[in-house]
Amino acid sequence: MRIGGGHAKGSAFERLVNTQLSLWLTQGARADLFRRNVLSGGSFTQRARRADPEAGMPGDLSANHPLAFAFLGQVAVECKHHHQVQLAHFLLEARRTSFLMKTYYHTCDQAAPLGLIPWVVAKEDRRPAFILMPGEIGHIAAMCPNGRVGVMYHTLFTEAITLIRLDEWTRHVDPQTFVRALTERPRQ
């Protein structure tokens, strides 16, 4: 990608995540359940700063179809595609100084007032995309296998955060069981 093409790369990644999660939720039937959020989530950020009670949904995804509402009623998804996401710095420094930790906690801060689960879907150039989510959500996902080999995920920082590859998620987590488990769990 050309220098200065980060915005286009980020937008393309958001569209890719929209498609992958749509295909996951519909078990391959539809690719259009989600769309990019207005201003890539910036509309929520601007309105939330003004304490607007009608700020809308945080994150980069919004529902484009009724099948997506149940999922986005539980999860706020932030997408990040960068040249280097500094995964090693995230894993080894465990403070809010790394790009991923800042992104994760920013997503947590936006999701918490609405009772949503923060998800950060991140990708570094020439590497697979992965999801960061609260540790307990990773444990819920492990209890929702789709009949194949169980979910392979990593719990980090004394089980505070789960890291799982996006392709592992879409292959091994049953979407209906997972969304049902989220809607039945007590909100914090």
N, C-alpha and C. Protein backbone atom coordinates (compact mmCIF):
# COMPACT_ATOMS: atom_id res chain seq x y z
N MET A 1 0.85 -1.17 0.00
CA MET A 1 0.00 0.00 0.00
C MET A 1 0.89 1.23 0.00
N ARG A 2 0.45 2.25 -0.67
CA ARG A 2 1.24 3.47 -0.77
C ARG A 2 1.31 4.20 0.57
N ILE A 3 2.33 5.03 0.72
CA ILE A 3 2.47 5.83 1.92
C ILE A 3 1.26 6.73 2.05
N GLY A 4 0.72 6.82 3.25
CA GLY A 4 -0.47 7.64 3.49
C GLY A 4 -1.76 6.91 3.19
N GLY A 5 -1.68 5.61 2.88
CA GLY A 5 -2.87 4.84 2.54
C GLY A 5 -3.49 4.13 3.73
N GLY A 6 -3.13 4.54 4.94
CA GLY A 6 -3.63 3.88 6.14
C GLY A 6 -5.13 3.92 6.27
N HIS A 7 -5.75 5.04 5.91
CA HIS A 7 -7.21 5.15 6.01
C HIS A 7 -7.89 4.13 5.10
N ALA A 8 -7.39 3.99 3.89
CA ALA A 8 -7.98 3.02 2.96
C ALA A 8 -7.77 1.59 3.47
N LYS A 9 -6.59 1.33 4.05
CA LYS A 9 -6.31 0.00 4.58
C LYS A 9 -7.24 -0.30 5.75
N GLY A 10 -7.45 0.67 6.63
CA GLY A 10 -8.35 0.49 7.76
C GLY A 10 -9.78 0.26 7.32
N SER A 11 -10.24 1.02 6.33
CA SER A 11 -11.60 0.86 5.81
C SER A 11 -11.78 -0.51 5.17
N ALA A 12 -10.78 -0.95 4.41
CA ALA A 12 -10.85 -2.26 3.77
C ALA A 12 -10.89 -3.37 4.82
N PHE A 13 -10.12 -3.19 5.89
CA PHE A 13 -10.12 -4.19 6.96
C PHE A 13 -11.48 -4.24 7.66
N GLU A 14 -12.07 -3.09 7.91
CA GLU A 14 -13.41 -3.07 8.52
C GLU A 14 -14.42 -3.80 7.64
N ARG A 15 -14.36 -3.59 6.33
CA ARG A 15 -15.27 -4.30 5.43
C ARG A 15 -15.02 -5.81 5.46
N LEU A 16 -13.74 -6.20 5.54
CA LEU A 16 -13.39 -7.62 5.62
C LEU A 16 -13.95 -8.24 6.91
N VAL A 17 -13.79 -7.55 8.03
CA VAL A 17 -14.33 -8.05 9.31
C VAL A 17 -15.85 -8.13 9.23
N ASN A 18 -16.49 -7.13 8.64
CA ASN A 18 -17.95 -7.16 8.45
C ASN A 18 -18.35 -8.43 7.72
N THR A 19 -17.67 -8.73 6.65
CA THR A 19 -17.98 -9.91 5.84
C THR A 19 -17.73 -11.19 6.62
N GLN A 20 -16.58 -11.29 7.26
CA GLN A 20 -16.25 -12.52 7.98
C GLN A 20 -17.22 -12.78 9.13
N LEU A 21 -17.58 -11.75 9.88
CA LEU A 21 -18.53 -11.96 10.97
C LEU A 21 -19.94 -12.25 10.45
N SER A 22 -20.30 -11.65 9.31
CA SER A 22 -21.59 -11.95 8.70
C SER A 22 -21.66 -13.41 8.29
N LEU A 23 -20.62 -13.88 7.61
CA LEU A 23 -20.57 -15.28 7.19
C LEU A 23 -20.58 -16.22 8.40
N TRP A 24 -19.90 -15.81 9.46
CA TRP A 24 -19.88 -16.63 10.69
C TRP A 24 -21.28 -16.71 11.29
N LEU A 25 -21.94 -15.56 11.46
CA LEU A 25 -23.26 -15.56 12.09
C LEU A 25 -24.30 -16.33 11.29
N THR A 26 -24.17 -16.33 9.97
CA THR A 26 -25.15 -17.01 9.12
C THR A 26 -24.66 -18.37 8.64
N GLN A 27 -23.54 -18.82 9.18
CA GLN A 27 -22.92 -20.09 8.79
C GLN A 27 -22.73 -20.17 7.28
N GLY A 28 -22.23 -19.08 6.73
CA GLY A 28 -21.86 -19.03 5.32
C GLY A 28 -22.95 -18.57 4.37
N ALA A 29 -24.14 -18.28 4.85
CA ALA A 29 -25.26 -17.95 3.97
C ALA A 29 -25.26 -16.50 3.49
N ARG A 30 -24.81 -15.56 4.33
CA ARG A 30 -24.89 -14.14 3.97
C ARG A 30 -23.60 -13.43 4.37
N ALA A 31 -23.23 -12.44 3.57
CA ALA A 31 -22.01 -11.66 3.84
C ALA A 31 -22.31 -10.20 4.13
N ASP A 32 -23.59 -9.86 4.33
CA ASP A 32 -23.97 -8.45 4.40
C ASP A 32 -24.73 -8.04 5.66
N LEU A 33 -24.48 -8.71 6.79
CA LEU A 33 -25.22 -8.38 8.01
C LEU A 33 -24.74 -7.09 8.66
N PHE A 34 -23.49 -6.74 8.43
CA PHE A 34 -22.90 -5.56 9.05
C PHE A 34 -22.46 -4.56 8.00
N ARG A 35 -22.26 -3.33 8.46
CA ARG A 35 -21.65 -2.30 7.62
C ARG A 35 -20.74 -1.48 8.52
N ARG A 36 -19.93 -0.66 7.91
CA ARG A 36 -19.05 0.21 8.69
C ARG A 36 -19.90 1.25 9.41
N ASN A 37 -19.54 1.51 10.65
CA ASN A 37 -20.23 2.51 11.45
C ASN A 37 -19.94 3.90 10.88
N VAL A 38 -20.84 4.83 11.10
CA VAL A 38 -20.68 6.21 10.60
C VAL A 38 -19.36 6.77 11.12
N LEU A 39 -18.59 7.34 10.23
CA LEU A 39 -17.27 7.90 10.54
C LEU A 39 -16.37 6.87 11.23
N SER A 40 -16.58 5.59 10.93
CA SER A 40 -15.79 4.52 11.52
C SER A 40 -15.81 4.60 13.04
N GLY A 41 -16.97 4.83 13.62
CA GLY A 41 -17.13 4.94 15.06
C GLY A 41 -16.88 6.34 15.59
N GLY A 42 -16.40 7.24 14.75
CA GLY A 42 -16.10 8.60 15.18
C GLY A 42 -17.33 9.38 15.58
N SER A 43 -18.45 9.07 15.00
CA SER A 43 -19.70 9.75 15.35
C SER A 43 -20.04 9.51 16.82
N PHE A 44 -19.89 8.24 17.26
CA PHE A 44 -20.15 7.93 18.67
C PHE A 44 -19.18 8.69 19.56
N THR A 45 -17.91 8.68 19.20
CA THR A 45 -16.88 9.35 20.01
C THR A 45 -17.19 10.83 20.16
N GLN A 46 -17.53 11.49 19.05
CA GLN A 46 -17.82 12.92 19.10
C GLN A 46 -19.04 13.21 19.97
N ARG A 47 -20.09 12.41 19.81
CA ARG A 47 -21.32 12.65 20.57
C ARG A 47 -21.13 12.27 22.04
N ALA A 48 -20.37 11.23 22.31
CA ALA A 48 -20.12 10.82 23.70
C ALA A 48 -19.32 11.89 24.44
N ARG A 49 -18.40 12.54 23.75
CA ARG A 49 -17.62 13.62 24.38
C ARG A 49 -18.52 14.76 24.82
N ARG A 50 -19.61 14.98 24.09
CA ARG A 50 -20.56 16.03 24.45
C ARG A 50 -21.62 15.53 25.43
N ALA A 51 -21.44 14.28 25.92
CA ALA A 51 -22.39 13.65 26.84
C ALA A 51 -23.79 13.56 26.24
N ASP A 52 -23.84 13.35 24.94
CA ASP A 52 -25.11 13.20 24.24
C ASP A 52 -25.72 11.84 24.58
N PRO A 53 -26.91 11.79 25.17
CA PRO A 53 -27.51 10.50 25.52
C PRO A 53 -27.89 9.67 24.30
N GLU A 54 -27.93 10.27 23.15
CA GLU A 54 -28.26 9.57 21.91
C GLU A 54 -27.01 9.31 21.08
N ALA A 55 -25.90 9.01 21.73
CA ALA A 55 -24.61 8.87 21.05
C ALA A 55 -24.59 7.71 20.06
N GLY A 56 -25.41 6.71 20.25
CA GLY A 56 -25.44 5.59 19.32
C GLY A 56 -24.54 4.45 19.77
N MET A 57 -24.00 3.72 18.80
CA MET A 57 -23.19 2.53 19.07
C MET A 57 -21.71 2.84 18.94
N PRO A 58 -20.91 2.39 19.92
CA PRO A 58 -19.47 2.54 19.77
C PRO A 58 -18.93 1.47 18.82
N GLY A 59 -17.71 1.66 18.39
CA GLY A 59 -17.07 0.65 17.55
C GLY A 59 -17.22 0.93 16.08
N ASP A 60 -16.67 0.03 15.29
CA ASP A 60 -16.59 0.20 13.84
C ASP A 60 -17.66 -0.53 13.06
N LEU A 61 -18.46 -1.37 13.71
CA LEU A 61 -19.50 -2.13 13.02
C LEU A 61 -20.87 -1.64 13.45
N SER A 62 -21.78 -1.65 12.51
CA SER A 62 -23.19 -1.43 12.84
C SER A 62 -24.01 -2.47 12.09
N ALA A 63 -25.20 -2.70 12.60
CA ALA A 63 -26.07 -3.73 12.02
C ALA A 63 -26.66 -3.24 10.71
N ASN A 64 -26.62 -4.09 9.73
CA ASN A 64 -27.20 -3.82 8.42
C ASN A 64 -28.38 -4.76 8.16
N HIS A 65 -28.65 -5.62 9.13
CA HIS A 65 -29.67 -6.65 8.97
C HIS A 65 -30.14 -7.08 10.36
N PRO A 66 -31.39 -7.46 10.52
CA PRO A 66 -31.88 -7.87 11.84
C PRO A 66 -31.09 -9.00 12.50
N LEU A 67 -30.49 -9.88 11.72
CA LEU A 67 -29.71 -10.97 12.31
C LEU A 67 -28.48 -10.46 13.06
N ALA A 68 -28.02 -9.26 12.74
CA ALA A 68 -26.83 -8.70 13.39
C ALA A 68 -27.16 -8.00 14.70
N PHE A 69 -28.43 -7.64 14.91
CA PHE A 69 -28.79 -6.87 16.10
C PHE A 69 -28.47 -7.61 17.40
N ALA A 70 -28.76 -8.89 17.48
CA ALA A 70 -28.52 -9.65 18.72
C ALA A 70 -27.03 -9.64 19.07
N PHE A 71 -26.18 -9.78 18.07
CA PHE A 71 -24.74 -9.77 18.31
C PHE A 71 -24.26 -8.38 18.75
N LEU A 72 -24.62 -7.35 17.99
CA LEU A 72 -24.17 -6.01 18.33
C LEU A 72 -24.89 -5.44 19.55
N GLY A 73 -25.96 -6.06 19.98
CA GLY A 73 -26.58 -5.68 21.23
C GLY A 73 -25.78 -6.15 22.44
N GLN A 74 -24.76 -6.96 22.17
CA GLN A 74 -23.91 -7.49 23.23
C GLN A 74 -22.44 -7.07 23.10
N VAL A 75 -22.01 -6.77 21.87
CA VAL A 75 -20.57 -6.59 21.59
C VAL A 75 -20.32 -5.28 20.86
N ALA A 76 -19.28 -4.56 21.28
CA ALA A 76 -18.79 -3.38 20.55
C ALA A 76 -17.48 -3.79 19.88
N VAL A 77 -17.43 -3.72 18.56
CA VAL A 77 -16.28 -4.21 17.80
C VAL A 77 -15.47 -3.03 17.26
N GLU A 78 -14.21 -3.00 17.61
CA GLU A 78 -13.26 -2.01 17.11
C GLU A 78 -12.27 -2.75 16.21
N CYS A 79 -12.04 -2.25 15.00
CA CYS A 79 -11.14 -2.89 14.05
C CYS A 79 -9.89 -2.03 13.86
N LYS A 80 -8.72 -2.67 13.90
CA LYS A 80 -7.46 -1.96 13.71
C LYS A 80 -6.55 -2.77 12.81
N HIS A 81 -6.14 -2.18 11.69
CA HIS A 81 -5.15 -2.79 10.80
C HIS A 81 -4.01 -1.79 10.65
N HIS A 82 -2.86 -2.17 11.15
CA HIS A 82 -1.69 -1.30 11.11
C HIS A 82 -0.50 -2.06 10.56
N HIS A 83 0.48 -1.31 10.14
CA HIS A 83 1.73 -1.92 9.66
C HIS A 83 2.31 -2.80 10.76
N GLN A 84 2.36 -2.29 11.99
CA GLN A 84 2.82 -3.05 13.14
C GLN A 84 1.89 -2.76 14.32
N VAL A 85 1.25 -3.80 14.83
CA VAL A 85 0.38 -3.61 15.99
C VAL A 85 1.14 -3.81 17.29
N GLN A 86 2.38 -4.20 17.20
CA GLN A 86 3.27 -4.35 18.36
C GLN A 86 2.72 -5.35 19.37
N LEU A 87 2.40 -6.54 18.88
CA LEU A 87 1.86 -7.58 19.75
C LEU A 87 2.84 -7.93 20.86
N ALA A 88 4.12 -8.01 20.56
CA ALA A 88 5.11 -8.34 21.60
C ALA A 88 5.10 -7.28 22.70
N HIS A 89 5.04 -6.02 22.33
CA HIS A 89 4.99 -4.95 23.32
C HIS A 89 3.74 -5.08 24.19
N PHE A 90 2.63 -5.39 23.56
CA PHE A 90 1.37 -5.61 24.28
C PHE A 90 1.51 -6.75 25.29
N LEU A 91 2.08 -7.88 24.84
CA LEU A 91 2.19 -9.05 25.70
C LEU A 91 3.22 -8.88 26.81
N LEU A 92 4.30 -8.21 26.52
CA LEU A 92 5.40 -8.14 27.48
C LEU A 92 5.35 -6.94 28.41
N GLU A 93 4.69 -5.88 27.98
CA GLU A 93 4.66 -4.67 28.81
C GLU A 93 3.38 -4.55 29.63
N ALA A 94 2.30 -5.15 29.22
CA ALA A 94 1.04 -5.23 29.98
C ALA A 94 0.63 -3.93 30.67
N ARG A 95 1.00 -2.82 30.10
CA ARG A 95 0.56 -1.52 30.62
C ARG A 95 -0.21 -0.84 29.51
N ARG A 96 -0.76 0.28 29.81
CA ARG A 96 -1.55 1.00 28.80
C ARG A 96 -0.67 1.79 27.85
N THR A 97 0.58 1.40 27.69
CA THR A 97 1.48 2.15 26.81
C THR A 97 1.52 1.59 25.41
N SER A 98 1.17 0.34 25.22
CA SER A 98 1.24 -0.24 23.88
C SER A 98 0.01 0.17 23.07
N PHE A 99 0.15 0.17 21.76
CA PHE A 99 -0.94 0.52 20.86
C PHE A 99 -2.16 -0.36 21.13
N LEU A 100 -1.95 -1.68 21.25
CA LEU A 100 -3.08 -2.60 21.45
C LEU A 100 -3.74 -2.40 22.80
N MET A 101 -2.94 -2.17 23.85
CA MET A 101 -3.55 -1.99 25.17
C MET A 101 -4.34 -0.68 25.21
N LYS A 102 -3.80 0.38 24.60
CA LYS A 102 -4.54 1.64 24.54
C LYS A 102 -5.86 1.44 23.79
N THR A 103 -5.79 0.75 22.66
CA THR A 103 -6.99 0.49 21.87
C THR A 103 -7.99 -0.35 22.66
N TYR A 104 -7.50 -1.39 23.32
CA TYR A 104 -8.38 -2.27 24.08
C TYR A 104 -9.09 -1.50 25.20
N TYR A 105 -8.34 -0.73 25.97
CA TYR A 105 -8.97 0.00 27.08
C TYR A 105 -9.86 1.14 26.59
N HIS A 106 -9.53 1.73 25.46
CA HIS A 106 -10.42 2.74 24.88
C HIS A 106 -11.75 2.09 24.50
N THR A 107 -11.68 0.92 23.90
CA THR A 107 -12.89 0.19 23.53
C THR A 107 -13.67 -0.21 24.79
N CYS A 108 -12.97 -0.64 25.83
CA CYS A 108 -13.63 -0.97 27.11
C CYS A 108 -14.35 0.25 27.66
N ASP A 109 -13.67 1.41 27.63
CA ASP A 109 -14.27 2.64 28.18
C ASP A 109 -15.53 3.04 27.42
N GLN A 110 -15.55 2.81 26.11
CA GLN A 110 -16.73 3.16 25.32
C GLN A 110 -17.84 2.13 25.49
N ALA A 111 -17.49 0.86 25.64
CA ALA A 111 -18.49 -0.21 25.73
C ALA A 111 -19.15 -0.29 27.10
N ALA A 112 -18.39 -0.02 28.15
CA ALA A 112 -18.87 -0.24 29.53
C ALA A 112 -20.16 0.50 29.87
N PRO A 113 -20.29 1.80 29.55
CA PRO A 113 -21.54 2.49 29.93
C PRO A 113 -22.79 1.89 29.29
N LEU A 114 -22.61 1.20 28.17
CA LEU A 114 -23.74 0.59 27.49
C LEU A 114 -23.90 -0.89 27.84
N GLY A 115 -23.03 -1.40 28.71
CA GLY A 115 -23.09 -2.80 29.09
C GLY A 115 -22.66 -3.74 27.98
N LEU A 116 -21.84 -3.24 27.05
CA LEU A 116 -21.39 -4.06 25.92
C LEU A 116 -20.03 -4.69 26.21
N ILE A 117 -19.75 -5.76 25.51
CA ILE A 117 -18.47 -6.46 25.62
C ILE A 117 -17.51 -5.85 24.61
N PRO A 118 -16.33 -5.44 25.04
CA PRO A 118 -15.36 -4.88 24.09
C PRO A 118 -14.65 -5.97 23.31
N TRP A 119 -14.59 -5.78 22.01
CA TRP A 119 -13.83 -6.65 21.11
C TRP A 119 -12.91 -5.74 20.31
N VAL A 120 -11.66 -6.08 20.24
CA VAL A 120 -10.73 -5.41 19.33
C VAL A 120 -10.29 -6.48 18.33
N VAL A 121 -10.59 -6.25 17.06
CA VAL A 121 -10.13 -7.13 15.99
C VAL A 121 -8.96 -6.40 15.35
N ALA A 122 -7.77 -6.98 15.48
CA ALA A 122 -6.56 -6.31 15.02
C ALA A 122 -5.83 -7.17 14.01
N LYS A 123 -5.08 -6.49 13.15
CA LYS A 123 -4.31 -7.17 12.12
C LYS A 123 -3.06 -6.37 11.84
N GLU A 124 -1.96 -7.08 11.75
CA GLU A 124 -0.70 -6.49 11.32
C GLU A 124 -0.45 -6.96 9.89
N ASP A 125 0.22 -6.14 9.10
CA ASP A 125 0.52 -6.52 7.71
C ASP A 125 1.11 -7.92 7.65
N ARG A 126 0.61 -8.72 6.73
CA ARG A 126 1.08 -10.07 6.46
C ARG A 126 0.97 -11.03 7.65
N ARG A 127 0.06 -10.75 8.55
CA ARG A 127 -0.21 -11.62 9.70
C ARG A 127 -1.72 -11.85 9.79
N PRO A 128 -2.13 -12.94 10.44
CA PRO A 128 -3.58 -13.17 10.57
C PRO A 128 -4.21 -12.21 11.56
N ALA A 129 -5.47 -11.93 11.35
CA ALA A 129 -6.24 -11.06 12.26
C ALA A 129 -6.53 -11.85 13.54
N PHE A 130 -6.65 -11.12 14.64
CA PHE A 130 -6.98 -11.74 15.91
C PHE A 130 -7.94 -10.85 16.68
N ILE A 131 -8.59 -11.44 17.68
CA ILE A 131 -9.56 -10.73 18.51
C ILE A 131 -9.03 -10.66 19.93
N LEU A 132 -9.17 -9.50 20.55
CA LEU A 132 -8.93 -9.33 21.99
C LEU A 132 -10.29 -9.08 22.62
N MET A 133 -10.58 -9.78 23.70
CA MET A 133 -11.85 -9.64 24.40
C MET A 133 -11.64 -9.96 25.87
N PRO A 134 -12.59 -9.61 26.74
CA PRO A 134 -12.44 -9.97 28.15
C PRO A 134 -12.29 -11.48 28.33
N GLY A 135 -11.50 -11.87 29.32
CA GLY A 135 -11.21 -13.28 29.55
C GLY A 135 -12.43 -14.16 29.71
N GLU A 136 -13.43 -13.68 30.44
CA GLU A 136 -14.62 -14.51 30.68
C GLU A 136 -15.39 -14.78 29.38
N ILE A 137 -15.30 -13.89 28.42
CA ILE A 137 -15.98 -14.10 27.13
C ILE A 137 -15.28 -15.20 26.35
N GLY A 138 -13.97 -15.25 26.44
CA GLY A 138 -13.22 -16.35 25.83
C GLY A 138 -13.63 -17.69 26.41
N HIS A 139 -13.86 -17.71 27.72
CA HIS A 139 -14.30 -18.96 28.36
C HIS A 139 -15.71 -19.34 27.89
N ILE A 140 -16.57 -18.35 27.72
CA ILE A 140 -17.91 -18.63 27.18
C ILE A 140 -17.80 -19.21 25.78
N ALA A 141 -16.93 -18.62 24.95
CA ALA A 141 -16.75 -19.11 23.58
C ALA A 141 -16.27 -20.56 23.57
N ALA A 142 -15.40 -20.91 24.50
CA ALA A 142 -14.89 -22.28 24.57
C ALA A 142 -16.01 -23.27 24.87
N MET A 143 -17.08 -22.79 25.48
CA MET A 143 -18.22 -23.65 25.79
C MET A 143 -19.24 -23.70 24.65
N CYS A 144 -18.92 -23.07 23.52
CA CYS A 144 -19.85 -23.00 22.38
C CYS A 144 -19.21 -23.59 21.11
N PRO A 145 -18.66 -24.81 21.19
CA PRO A 145 -18.04 -25.37 19.99
C PRO A 145 -19.08 -25.70 18.93
N ASN A 146 -18.67 -25.65 17.68
CA ASN A 146 -19.61 -25.94 16.60
C ASN A 146 -19.48 -27.38 16.11
N GLY A 147 -19.00 -28.27 16.95
CA GLY A 147 -18.91 -29.67 16.58
C GLY A 147 -17.53 -30.07 16.10
N ARG A 148 -16.68 -29.10 15.84
CA ARG A 148 -15.31 -29.41 15.42
C ARG A 148 -14.41 -29.40 16.65
N VAL A 149 -13.13 -29.51 16.39
CA VAL A 149 -12.15 -29.44 17.48
C VAL A 149 -12.36 -28.14 18.24
N GLY A 150 -12.16 -28.16 19.54
CA GLY A 150 -12.42 -27.01 20.39
C GLY A 150 -11.68 -25.75 19.99
N VAL A 151 -12.10 -24.66 20.56
CA VAL A 151 -11.55 -23.34 20.29
C VAL A 151 -10.14 -23.26 20.87
N MET A 152 -9.20 -22.76 20.06
CA MET A 152 -7.84 -22.56 20.53
C MET A 152 -7.66 -21.08 20.83
N TYR A 153 -7.52 -20.74 22.10
CA TYR A 153 -7.40 -19.34 22.48
C TYR A 153 -6.36 -19.20 23.58
N HIS A 154 -5.97 -17.99 23.86
CA HIS A 154 -4.98 -17.71 24.89
C HIS A 154 -5.58 -16.74 25.89
N THR A 155 -5.42 -17.05 27.17
CA THR A 155 -5.83 -16.09 28.19
C THR A 155 -4.57 -15.39 28.68
N LEU A 156 -4.68 -14.09 28.83
CA LEU A 156 -3.52 -13.26 29.16
C LEU A 156 -3.79 -12.46 30.42
N PHE A 157 -2.73 -12.07 31.07
CA PHE A 157 -2.80 -11.16 32.21
C PHE A 157 -3.76 -11.67 33.27
N THR A 158 -3.43 -12.83 33.82
CA THR A 158 -4.25 -13.52 34.83
C THR A 158 -5.71 -13.61 34.40
N GLU A 159 -5.88 -14.05 33.17
CA GLU A 159 -7.19 -14.32 32.56
C GLU A 159 -8.06 -13.09 32.37
N ALA A 160 -7.45 -11.92 32.33
CA ALA A 160 -8.23 -10.69 32.12
C ALA A 160 -8.61 -10.51 30.66
N ILE A 161 -7.76 -10.96 29.73
CA ILE A 161 -7.98 -10.77 28.30
C ILE A 161 -7.80 -12.10 27.58
N THR A 162 -8.67 -12.36 26.63
CA THR A 162 -8.53 -13.52 25.75
C THR A 162 -8.06 -13.05 24.39
N LEU A 163 -7.13 -13.77 23.80
CA LEU A 163 -6.66 -13.51 22.44
C LEU A 163 -6.94 -14.76 21.62
N ILE A 164 -7.60 -14.58 20.48
CA ILE A 164 -7.90 -15.69 19.59
C ILE A 164 -7.82 -15.19 18.15
N ARG A 165 -7.30 -16.02 17.28
CA ARG A 165 -7.27 -15.65 15.87
C ARG A 165 -8.69 -15.59 15.33
N LEU A 166 -8.95 -14.62 14.47
CA LEU A 166 -10.29 -14.45 13.89
C LEU A 166 -10.71 -15.68 13.10
N ASP A 167 -9.79 -16.26 12.33
CA ASP A 167 -10.15 -17.45 11.55
C ASP A 167 -10.46 -18.65 12.47
N GLU A 168 -9.77 -18.76 13.61
CA GLU A 168 -10.09 -19.81 14.58
C GLU A 168 -11.49 -19.59 15.14
N TRP A 169 -11.79 -18.33 15.45
CA TRP A 169 -13.10 -17.98 16.00
C TRP A 169 -14.22 -18.40 15.04
N THR A 170 -14.09 -17.96 13.79
CA THR A 170 -15.18 -18.23 12.83
C THR A 170 -15.30 -19.71 12.50
N ARG A 171 -14.23 -20.47 12.64
CA ARG A 171 -14.30 -21.91 12.37
C ARG A 171 -14.84 -22.71 13.54
N HIS A 172 -14.54 -22.29 14.77
CA HIS A 172 -14.76 -23.17 15.90
C HIS A 172 -15.83 -22.73 16.90
N VAL A 173 -16.34 -21.52 16.81
CA VAL A 173 -17.35 -21.06 17.76
C VAL A 173 -18.71 -21.06 17.07
N ASP A 174 -19.66 -21.77 17.67
CA ASP A 174 -21.01 -21.80 17.12
C ASP A 174 -21.69 -20.46 17.39
N PRO A 175 -22.10 -19.74 16.35
CA PRO A 175 -22.62 -18.39 16.56
C PRO A 175 -23.92 -18.33 17.35
N GLN A 176 -24.87 -19.21 17.08
CA GLN A 176 -26.14 -19.16 17.78
C GLN A 176 -25.97 -19.46 19.26
N THR A 177 -25.17 -20.47 19.59
CA THR A 177 -24.93 -20.82 20.99
C THR A 177 -24.21 -19.68 21.70
N PHE A 178 -23.23 -19.08 21.02
CA PHE A 178 -22.46 -18.00 21.63
C PHE A 178 -23.35 -16.78 21.90
N VAL A 179 -24.11 -16.34 20.91
CA VAL A 179 -24.97 -15.16 21.10
C VAL A 179 -26.01 -15.44 22.17
N ARG A 180 -26.57 -16.63 22.19
CA ARG A 180 -27.54 -16.99 23.23
C ARG A 180 -26.88 -16.94 24.62
N ALA A 181 -25.66 -17.46 24.74
CA ALA A 181 -24.94 -17.43 26.02
C ALA A 181 -24.68 -15.99 26.46
N LEU A 182 -24.38 -15.12 25.52
CA LEU A 182 -24.16 -13.71 25.88
C LEU A 182 -25.44 -13.04 26.36
N THR A 183 -26.54 -13.31 25.67
CA THR A 183 -27.79 -12.66 26.06
C THR A 183 -28.31 -13.18 27.40
N GLU A 184 -27.94 -14.42 27.77
CA GLU A 184 -28.40 -15.00 29.03
C GLU A 184 -27.50 -14.65 30.21
N ARG A 185 -26.30 -14.16 29.96
CA ARG A 185 -25.41 -13.84 31.06
C ARG A 185 -25.81 -12.53 31.71
N PRO A 186 -25.57 -12.40 33.02
CA PRO A 186 -25.92 -11.13 33.67
C PRO A 186 -25.04 -9.99 33.16
N ARG A 187 -25.66 -8.87 32.88
CA ARG A 187 -24.91 -7.67 32.43
C ARG A 187 -24.24 -7.05 33.63
N GLN A 188 -23.08 -6.47 33.36
CA GLN A 188 -22.32 -5.82 34.44
C GLN A 188 -22.60 -4.36 34.49
